[in-house]
Amino acid sequence: MVSQIKTLQEDTGLTPCLDQVETPITGANKFKGIKLPNSPQIISSFQKGYKDFLANILVQIEKCYPESAVETLQALSVLGLRRLNGMSEEDVGKLGKDEIAMLSQKNRQRDEPYIEASETHQELAMLKTLVRSQHYPTESLPVLWNIINTHHRICFQTC
């Protein structure tokens, strides 16, 4: 979403909103049947307001979802194993390695680390094997983890 907003922000042509303004043969601009004044100053003002609006949206998104939090959430998404069932054995082996490395690196910055990279790699390998061998559904993270928690809790209990 952020990249789409940045693309809109960098658009050098007329904004998508201005593209909706109809220009009939008479030369009068209309938007949904309402006549609009036609001047370069108004168009320039509209474009500036549009770009300022997009810039503000980006600032608000960054406040709510800082880049570091987004990276962490993306790394944790490996636990959904969504792509697992259609992957080759080689790709299955690679799945999660980068994510665990990133989480482990962030974890080392904590006073009380809670992720041990080698153990986490082993558990993820065991989880991938289990999910593939049992043909568990991976389309829904809650459904998958409900099955894991119900039938295999002892295998993945770390506390």
N, C-alpha and C. Protein backbone atom coordinates (compact mmCIF):
# COMPACT_ATOMS: atom_id res chain seq x y z
N MET A 1 0.82 -1.18 0.00
CA MET A 1 0.00 0.00 0.00
C MET A 1 0.88 1.26 0.00
N VAL A 2 1.94 1.25 0.78
CA VAL A 2 2.81 2.42 0.86
C VAL A 2 3.42 2.71 -0.50
N SER A 3 3.85 1.65 -1.20
CA SER A 3 4.46 1.86 -2.52
C SER A 3 3.45 2.44 -3.50
N GLN A 4 2.19 2.03 -3.39
CA GLN A 4 1.15 2.58 -4.27
C GLN A 4 0.93 4.06 -3.98
N ILE A 5 0.93 4.43 -2.73
CA ILE A 5 0.76 5.85 -2.37
C ILE A 5 1.94 6.66 -2.87
N LYS A 6 3.16 6.11 -2.72
CA LYS A 6 4.35 6.82 -3.20
C LYS A 6 4.30 6.98 -4.72
N THR A 7 3.79 5.99 -5.43
CA THR A 7 3.65 6.09 -6.88
C THR A 7 2.67 7.21 -7.23
N LEU A 8 1.57 7.28 -6.53
CA LEU A 8 0.61 8.36 -6.77
C LEU A 8 1.23 9.72 -6.47
N GLN A 9 2.05 9.76 -5.43
CA GLN A 9 2.69 11.00 -5.02
C GLN A 9 3.70 11.48 -6.07
N GLU A 10 4.37 10.55 -6.74
CA GLU A 10 5.39 10.90 -7.72
C GLU A 10 4.82 11.13 -9.11
N ASP A 11 3.53 10.90 -9.29
CA ASP A 11 2.91 11.05 -10.60
C ASP A 11 3.09 12.48 -11.10
N THR A 12 3.71 12.63 -12.27
CA THR A 12 3.98 13.97 -12.79
C THR A 12 2.84 14.49 -13.65
N GLY A 13 1.95 13.61 -14.08
CA GLY A 13 0.80 14.04 -14.88
C GLY A 13 -0.31 14.52 -13.99
N LEU A 14 -1.50 14.60 -14.55
CA LEU A 14 -2.65 14.98 -13.74
C LEU A 14 -2.95 13.86 -12.75
N THR A 15 -3.41 14.23 -11.60
CA THR A 15 -3.73 13.23 -10.59
C THR A 15 -4.95 12.43 -11.04
N PRO A 16 -5.14 11.23 -10.49
CA PRO A 16 -6.30 10.43 -10.87
C PRO A 16 -7.62 11.16 -10.65
N CYS A 17 -7.67 12.01 -9.62
CA CYS A 17 -8.90 12.74 -9.37
C CYS A 17 -9.18 13.75 -10.48
N LEU A 18 -8.15 14.42 -10.95
CA LEU A 18 -8.35 15.38 -12.03
C LEU A 18 -8.73 14.69 -13.33
N ASP A 19 -8.30 13.44 -13.49
CA ASP A 19 -8.66 12.69 -14.69
C ASP A 19 -10.16 12.44 -14.77
N GLN A 20 -10.85 12.53 -13.63
CA GLN A 20 -12.30 12.30 -13.62
C GLN A 20 -13.09 13.53 -14.05
N VAL A 21 -12.42 14.66 -14.18
CA VAL A 21 -13.10 15.88 -14.61
C VAL A 21 -13.34 15.81 -16.11
N GLU A 22 -14.60 15.94 -16.51
CA GLU A 22 -14.98 15.88 -17.91
C GLU A 22 -14.82 17.26 -18.54
N THR A 23 -14.30 17.29 -19.76
CA THR A 23 -14.20 18.55 -20.47
C THR A 23 -15.06 18.45 -21.74
N PRO A 24 -16.28 18.93 -21.67
CA PRO A 24 -17.14 18.87 -22.86
C PRO A 24 -16.65 19.84 -23.94
N ILE A 25 -17.27 19.78 -25.09
CA ILE A 25 -16.89 20.61 -26.24
C ILE A 25 -16.90 22.09 -25.88
N THR A 26 -17.73 22.50 -24.97
CA THR A 26 -17.83 23.90 -24.60
C THR A 26 -16.58 24.39 -23.88
N GLY A 27 -15.75 23.48 -23.38
CA GLY A 27 -14.52 23.87 -22.68
C GLY A 27 -14.72 24.05 -21.19
N ALA A 28 -15.93 23.89 -20.68
CA ALA A 28 -16.19 24.04 -19.25
C ALA A 28 -15.94 22.70 -18.56
N ASN A 29 -15.13 22.71 -17.51
CA ASN A 29 -14.87 21.49 -16.76
C ASN A 29 -16.06 21.17 -15.87
N LYS A 30 -16.40 19.89 -15.81
CA LYS A 30 -17.49 19.45 -14.94
C LYS A 30 -17.05 18.20 -14.20
N PHE A 31 -17.51 18.11 -12.98
CA PHE A 31 -17.29 16.91 -12.19
C PHE A 31 -18.64 16.49 -11.65
N LYS A 32 -19.10 15.32 -12.08
CA LYS A 32 -20.41 14.80 -11.69
C LYS A 32 -21.50 15.84 -11.94
N GLY A 33 -21.39 16.50 -13.08
CA GLY A 33 -22.41 17.45 -13.48
C GLY A 33 -22.27 18.84 -12.89
N ILE A 34 -21.29 19.07 -12.04
CA ILE A 34 -21.11 20.39 -11.41
C ILE A 34 -20.01 21.11 -12.18
N LYS A 35 -20.30 22.34 -12.59
CA LYS A 35 -19.34 23.13 -13.36
C LYS A 35 -18.20 23.61 -12.45
N LEU A 36 -16.98 23.42 -12.93
CA LEU A 36 -15.80 23.82 -12.17
C LEU A 36 -15.07 24.93 -12.91
N PRO A 37 -14.52 25.89 -12.16
CA PRO A 37 -13.73 26.92 -12.83
C PRO A 37 -12.47 26.29 -13.43
N ASN A 38 -12.02 26.83 -14.55
CA ASN A 38 -10.88 26.26 -15.25
C ASN A 38 -9.75 27.28 -15.27
N SER A 39 -8.73 27.02 -14.45
CA SER A 39 -7.57 27.90 -14.47
C SER A 39 -6.35 27.10 -14.03
N PRO A 40 -5.18 27.46 -14.51
CA PRO A 40 -3.96 26.76 -14.11
C PRO A 40 -3.70 26.86 -12.60
N GLN A 41 -4.09 27.98 -11.98
CA GLN A 41 -3.87 28.14 -10.54
C GLN A 41 -4.73 27.14 -9.74
N ILE A 42 -5.96 26.94 -10.18
CA ILE A 42 -6.84 26.02 -9.47
C ILE A 42 -6.31 24.59 -9.61
N ILE A 43 -5.90 24.23 -10.83
CA ILE A 43 -5.36 22.88 -11.05
C ILE A 43 -4.09 22.69 -10.23
N SER A 44 -3.21 23.68 -10.21
CA SER A 44 -1.97 23.60 -9.44
C SER A 44 -2.27 23.47 -7.94
N SER A 45 -3.23 24.25 -7.47
CA SER A 45 -3.62 24.20 -6.06
C SER A 45 -4.18 22.81 -5.71
N PHE A 46 -5.01 22.29 -6.61
CA PHE A 46 -5.57 20.96 -6.38
C PHE A 46 -4.47 19.91 -6.31
N GLN A 47 -3.51 19.97 -7.24
CA GLN A 47 -2.42 19.00 -7.25
C GLN A 47 -1.57 19.10 -5.99
N LYS A 48 -1.31 20.31 -5.52
CA LYS A 48 -0.53 20.47 -4.29
C LYS A 48 -1.28 19.90 -3.10
N GLY A 49 -2.57 20.20 -3.02
CA GLY A 49 -3.38 19.67 -1.92
C GLY A 49 -3.43 18.15 -1.94
N TYR A 50 -3.51 17.59 -3.13
CA TYR A 50 -3.54 16.14 -3.32
C TYR A 50 -2.23 15.52 -2.84
N LYS A 51 -1.11 16.10 -3.23
CA LYS A 51 0.20 15.57 -2.84
C LYS A 51 0.45 15.76 -1.34
N ASP A 52 0.00 16.88 -0.78
CA ASP A 52 0.12 17.08 0.67
C ASP A 52 -0.70 16.04 1.43
N PHE A 53 -1.90 15.75 0.91
CA PHE A 53 -2.77 14.75 1.51
C PHE A 53 -2.08 13.39 1.53
N LEU A 54 -1.48 13.00 0.40
CA LEU A 54 -0.78 11.72 0.32
C LEU A 54 0.43 11.68 1.26
N ALA A 55 1.16 12.79 1.35
CA ALA A 55 2.32 12.86 2.25
C ALA A 55 1.87 12.66 3.70
N ASN A 56 0.74 13.25 4.06
CA ASN A 56 0.22 13.10 5.42
C ASN A 56 -0.20 11.65 5.69
N ILE A 57 -0.79 11.00 4.71
CA ILE A 57 -1.16 9.59 4.88
C ILE A 57 0.09 8.75 5.15
N LEU A 58 1.16 9.00 4.40
CA LEU A 58 2.41 8.25 4.60
C LEU A 58 2.98 8.47 6.00
N VAL A 59 2.92 9.71 6.48
CA VAL A 59 3.41 10.02 7.83
C VAL A 59 2.60 9.24 8.87
N GLN A 60 1.29 9.22 8.70
CA GLN A 60 0.42 8.53 9.66
C GLN A 60 0.64 7.02 9.63
N ILE A 61 0.84 6.45 8.44
CA ILE A 61 1.13 5.02 8.34
C ILE A 61 2.43 4.70 9.04
N GLU A 62 3.46 5.52 8.83
CA GLU A 62 4.76 5.28 9.46
C GLU A 62 4.66 5.38 10.98
N LYS A 63 3.82 6.29 11.49
CA LYS A 63 3.63 6.39 12.94
C LYS A 63 2.98 5.13 13.50
N CYS A 64 1.97 4.63 12.80
CA CYS A 64 1.25 3.44 13.27
C CYS A 64 2.04 2.16 13.04
N TYR A 65 2.74 2.10 11.92
CA TYR A 65 3.45 0.88 11.53
C TYR A 65 4.88 1.22 11.12
N PRO A 66 5.77 1.42 12.10
CA PRO A 66 7.15 1.73 11.75
C PRO A 66 7.76 0.59 10.93
N GLU A 67 8.73 0.94 10.10
CA GLU A 67 9.35 -0.04 9.20
C GLU A 67 9.87 -1.26 9.95
N SER A 68 10.45 -1.06 11.12
CA SER A 68 10.99 -2.20 11.88
C SER A 68 9.87 -3.15 12.31
N ALA A 69 8.71 -2.62 12.66
CA ALA A 69 7.59 -3.47 13.06
C ALA A 69 7.05 -4.23 11.85
N VAL A 70 7.01 -3.59 10.70
CA VAL A 70 6.53 -4.24 9.49
C VAL A 70 7.46 -5.39 9.11
N GLU A 71 8.76 -5.17 9.19
CA GLU A 71 9.73 -6.23 8.89
C GLU A 71 9.55 -7.43 9.83
N THR A 72 9.32 -7.14 11.10
CA THR A 72 9.12 -8.21 12.07
C THR A 72 7.85 -8.99 11.77
N LEU A 73 6.77 -8.29 11.47
CA LEU A 73 5.51 -8.96 11.14
C LEU A 73 5.66 -9.81 9.88
N GLN A 74 6.36 -9.28 8.88
CA GLN A 74 6.59 -10.06 7.67
C GLN A 74 7.40 -11.31 7.98
N ALA A 75 8.37 -11.21 8.85
CA ALA A 75 9.18 -12.37 9.22
C ALA A 75 8.33 -13.39 9.98
N LEU A 76 7.46 -12.92 10.85
CA LEU A 76 6.60 -13.84 11.60
C LEU A 76 5.56 -14.52 10.71
N SER A 77 5.27 -13.93 9.57
CA SER A 77 4.27 -14.51 8.67
C SER A 77 4.70 -15.89 8.15
N VAL A 78 5.97 -16.22 8.28
CA VAL A 78 6.43 -17.55 7.87
C VAL A 78 5.70 -18.65 8.65
N LEU A 79 5.23 -18.33 9.84
CA LEU A 79 4.53 -19.33 10.65
C LEU A 79 3.21 -19.76 10.04
N GLY A 80 2.70 -19.00 9.08
CA GLY A 80 1.48 -19.38 8.40
C GLY A 80 1.70 -20.49 7.38
N LEU A 81 2.94 -20.63 6.91
CA LEU A 81 3.30 -21.65 5.94
C LEU A 81 2.39 -21.69 4.72
N ARG A 82 1.88 -20.54 4.31
CA ARG A 82 0.90 -20.49 3.22
C ARG A 82 1.38 -21.11 1.92
N ARG A 83 2.63 -20.92 1.58
CA ARG A 83 3.11 -21.42 0.29
C ARG A 83 3.63 -22.84 0.38
N LEU A 84 3.63 -23.45 1.53
CA LEU A 84 4.31 -24.71 1.77
C LEU A 84 3.84 -25.85 0.87
N ASN A 85 2.56 -26.05 0.74
CA ASN A 85 2.05 -27.23 0.04
C ASN A 85 2.40 -27.27 -1.44
N GLY A 86 2.64 -26.16 -2.08
CA GLY A 86 2.96 -26.17 -3.50
C GLY A 86 4.44 -26.02 -3.80
N MET A 87 5.30 -26.14 -2.79
CA MET A 87 6.73 -25.89 -2.97
C MET A 87 7.51 -27.17 -3.25
N SER A 88 8.65 -26.98 -3.92
CA SER A 88 9.58 -28.09 -4.12
C SER A 88 10.30 -28.37 -2.80
N GLU A 89 10.92 -29.53 -2.70
CA GLU A 89 11.66 -29.89 -1.48
C GLU A 89 12.76 -28.88 -1.19
N GLU A 90 13.43 -28.43 -2.25
CA GLU A 90 14.52 -27.46 -2.08
C GLU A 90 13.99 -26.14 -1.50
N ASP A 91 12.86 -25.68 -2.04
CA ASP A 91 12.27 -24.42 -1.55
C ASP A 91 11.73 -24.58 -0.13
N VAL A 92 11.20 -25.75 0.18
CA VAL A 92 10.72 -26.01 1.55
C VAL A 92 11.89 -25.88 2.53
N GLY A 93 13.04 -26.42 2.14
CA GLY A 93 14.22 -26.32 3.00
C GLY A 93 14.65 -24.89 3.26
N LYS A 94 14.48 -24.02 2.26
CA LYS A 94 14.87 -22.61 2.39
C LYS A 94 13.83 -21.78 3.13
N LEU A 95 12.58 -22.23 3.11
CA LEU A 95 11.48 -21.45 3.69
C LEU A 95 11.73 -21.14 5.16
N GLY A 96 11.78 -19.87 5.48
CA GLY A 96 11.92 -19.43 6.87
C GLY A 96 13.33 -19.13 7.32
N LYS A 97 14.34 -19.52 6.55
CA LYS A 97 15.72 -19.30 7.00
C LYS A 97 16.05 -17.82 7.14
N ASP A 98 15.70 -17.02 6.15
CA ASP A 98 15.98 -15.59 6.22
C ASP A 98 15.17 -14.93 7.33
N GLU A 99 13.93 -15.35 7.48
CA GLU A 99 13.06 -14.76 8.50
C GLU A 99 13.59 -15.07 9.90
N ILE A 100 14.00 -16.31 10.12
CA ILE A 100 14.54 -16.68 11.44
C ILE A 100 15.84 -15.94 11.71
N ALA A 101 16.67 -15.78 10.69
CA ALA A 101 17.92 -15.03 10.86
C ALA A 101 17.64 -13.59 11.27
N MET A 102 16.65 -12.96 10.62
CA MET A 102 16.31 -11.58 10.95
C MET A 102 15.74 -11.48 12.36
N LEU A 103 14.84 -12.39 12.72
CA LEU A 103 14.26 -12.37 14.06
C LEU A 103 15.32 -12.65 15.12
N SER A 104 16.21 -13.55 14.82
CA SER A 104 17.29 -13.88 15.75
C SER A 104 18.21 -12.68 15.96
N GLN A 105 18.51 -11.98 14.88
CA GLN A 105 19.37 -10.79 14.97
C GLN A 105 18.70 -9.72 15.83
N LYS A 106 17.40 -9.48 15.60
CA LYS A 106 16.67 -8.52 16.43
C LYS A 106 16.61 -8.99 17.88
N ASN A 107 16.48 -10.30 18.07
CA ASN A 107 16.37 -10.88 19.39
C ASN A 107 17.65 -10.66 20.21
N ARG A 108 18.80 -10.69 19.56
CA ARG A 108 20.08 -10.50 20.27
C ARG A 108 20.19 -9.09 20.85
N GLN A 109 19.38 -8.17 20.38
CA GLN A 109 19.42 -6.80 20.87
C GLN A 109 18.63 -6.64 22.18
N ARG A 110 17.91 -7.66 22.56
CA ARG A 110 17.07 -7.61 23.77
C ARG A 110 17.90 -7.97 25.01
N ASP A 111 17.43 -7.48 26.16
CA ASP A 111 18.08 -7.83 27.43
C ASP A 111 17.90 -9.31 27.76
N GLU A 112 16.68 -9.81 27.49
CA GLU A 112 16.38 -11.22 27.76
C GLU A 112 15.94 -11.87 26.44
N PRO A 113 16.87 -12.40 25.68
CA PRO A 113 16.52 -13.03 24.40
C PRO A 113 15.53 -14.18 24.57
N TYR A 114 14.63 -14.33 23.64
CA TYR A 114 13.64 -15.40 23.71
C TYR A 114 13.65 -16.29 22.47
N ILE A 115 14.57 -16.05 21.54
CA ILE A 115 14.68 -16.91 20.35
C ILE A 115 16.10 -17.44 20.28
N GLU A 116 16.22 -18.73 20.20
CA GLU A 116 17.51 -19.38 19.95
C GLU A 116 17.46 -19.85 18.51
N ALA A 117 18.29 -19.28 17.65
CA ALA A 117 18.21 -19.51 16.21
C ALA A 117 18.29 -20.98 15.84
N SER A 118 19.25 -21.71 16.39
CA SER A 118 19.41 -23.12 15.99
C SER A 118 18.20 -23.96 16.39
N GLU A 119 17.67 -23.73 17.59
CA GLU A 119 16.47 -24.45 18.04
C GLU A 119 15.27 -24.08 17.18
N THR A 120 15.17 -22.81 16.84
CA THR A 120 14.04 -22.34 16.04
C THR A 120 14.10 -22.94 14.64
N HIS A 121 15.28 -23.05 14.05
CA HIS A 121 15.43 -23.69 12.74
C HIS A 121 14.98 -25.15 12.82
N GLN A 122 15.37 -25.84 13.88
CA GLN A 122 14.99 -27.24 14.05
C GLN A 122 13.47 -27.38 14.19
N GLU A 123 12.88 -26.53 15.01
CA GLU A 123 11.42 -26.60 15.21
C GLU A 123 10.68 -26.29 13.92
N LEU A 124 11.15 -25.30 13.16
CA LEU A 124 10.49 -24.96 11.91
C LEU A 124 10.61 -26.11 10.91
N ALA A 125 11.77 -26.75 10.85
CA ALA A 125 11.94 -27.90 9.96
C ALA A 125 10.98 -29.03 10.34
N MET A 126 10.85 -29.27 11.64
CA MET A 126 9.93 -30.30 12.12
C MET A 126 8.48 -29.92 11.78
N LEU A 127 8.14 -28.65 11.95
CA LEU A 127 6.80 -28.17 11.65
C LEU A 127 6.49 -28.33 10.16
N LYS A 128 7.42 -27.95 9.29
CA LYS A 128 7.20 -28.07 7.85
C LYS A 128 6.98 -29.53 7.45
N THR A 129 7.79 -30.42 8.01
CA THR A 129 7.65 -31.85 7.72
C THR A 129 6.29 -32.35 8.17
N LEU A 130 5.89 -31.97 9.37
CA LEU A 130 4.61 -32.40 9.92
C LEU A 130 3.45 -31.91 9.06
N VAL A 131 3.44 -30.63 8.74
CA VAL A 131 2.33 -30.04 7.98
C VAL A 131 2.23 -30.68 6.60
N ARG A 132 3.37 -30.91 5.95
CA ARG A 132 3.34 -31.53 4.62
C ARG A 132 2.91 -33.00 4.69
N SER A 133 3.44 -33.74 5.66
CA SER A 133 3.12 -35.17 5.74
C SER A 133 1.66 -35.41 6.12
N GLN A 134 1.10 -34.53 6.92
CA GLN A 134 -0.30 -34.69 7.35
C GLN A 134 -1.27 -33.96 6.42
N HIS A 135 -0.73 -33.25 5.44
CA HIS A 135 -1.56 -32.49 4.49
C HIS A 135 -2.49 -31.51 5.20
N TYR A 136 -1.94 -30.85 6.23
CA TYR A 136 -2.74 -29.87 6.95
C TYR A 136 -2.98 -28.65 6.07
N PRO A 137 -4.14 -28.02 6.22
CA PRO A 137 -4.44 -26.83 5.42
C PRO A 137 -3.57 -25.64 5.85
N THR A 138 -3.07 -24.90 4.86
CA THR A 138 -2.23 -23.74 5.18
C THR A 138 -2.86 -22.44 4.71
N GLU A 139 -4.11 -22.48 4.30
CA GLU A 139 -4.76 -21.27 3.81
C GLU A 139 -5.12 -20.30 4.94
N SER A 140 -5.25 -20.81 6.14
CA SER A 140 -5.65 -19.98 7.27
C SER A 140 -4.72 -20.24 8.46
N LEU A 141 -4.02 -19.21 8.90
CA LEU A 141 -3.12 -19.34 10.04
C LEU A 141 -3.85 -19.81 11.29
N PRO A 142 -5.03 -19.24 11.64
CA PRO A 142 -5.71 -19.72 12.85
C PRO A 142 -6.13 -21.19 12.76
N VAL A 143 -6.59 -21.63 11.61
CA VAL A 143 -6.99 -23.03 11.45
C VAL A 143 -5.78 -23.94 11.60
N LEU A 144 -4.69 -23.60 10.91
CA LEU A 144 -3.47 -24.40 10.99
C LEU A 144 -2.99 -24.51 12.43
N TRP A 145 -2.88 -23.38 13.12
CA TRP A 145 -2.33 -23.42 14.47
C TRP A 145 -3.30 -24.00 15.48
N ASN A 146 -4.58 -23.99 15.19
CA ASN A 146 -5.52 -24.70 16.05
C ASN A 146 -5.28 -26.21 15.95
N ILE A 147 -5.04 -26.69 14.72
CA ILE A 147 -4.72 -28.12 14.52
C ILE A 147 -3.42 -28.47 15.22
N ILE A 148 -2.39 -27.65 15.03
CA ILE A 148 -1.09 -27.90 15.66
C ILE A 148 -1.23 -27.92 17.18
N ASN A 149 -1.92 -26.93 17.71
CA ASN A 149 -2.10 -26.82 19.16
C ASN A 149 -2.92 -27.98 19.72
N THR A 150 -3.91 -28.43 18.97
CA THR A 150 -4.77 -29.51 19.43
C THR A 150 -4.06 -30.87 19.40
N HIS A 151 -3.35 -31.15 18.30
CA HIS A 151 -2.81 -32.48 18.10
C HIS A 151 -1.31 -32.63 18.34
N HIS A 152 -0.58 -31.52 18.37
CA HIS A 152 0.88 -31.62 18.45
C HIS A 152 1.48 -30.63 19.43
N ARG A 153 0.71 -30.23 20.40
CA ARG A 153 1.17 -29.21 21.35
C ARG A 153 2.49 -29.57 22.01
N ILE A 154 2.63 -30.80 22.41
CA ILE A 154 3.83 -31.24 23.14
C ILE A 154 5.08 -31.12 22.28
N CYS A 155 4.94 -31.29 20.97
CA CYS A 155 6.10 -31.21 20.06
C CYS A 155 6.67 -29.80 19.95
N PHE A 156 5.83 -28.80 20.13
CA PHE A 156 6.26 -27.42 19.92
C PHE A 156 6.15 -26.58 21.17
N GLN A 157 6.11 -27.20 22.32
CA GLN A 157 6.01 -26.48 23.58
C GLN A 157 7.40 -26.06 24.02
N THR A 158 7.60 -24.76 24.21
CA THR A 158 8.92 -24.27 24.58
C THR A 158 8.98 -23.77 26.02
N CYS A 159 7.88 -23.72 26.69
CA CYS A 159 7.87 -23.23 28.07
C CYS A 159 7.78 -24.36 29.06
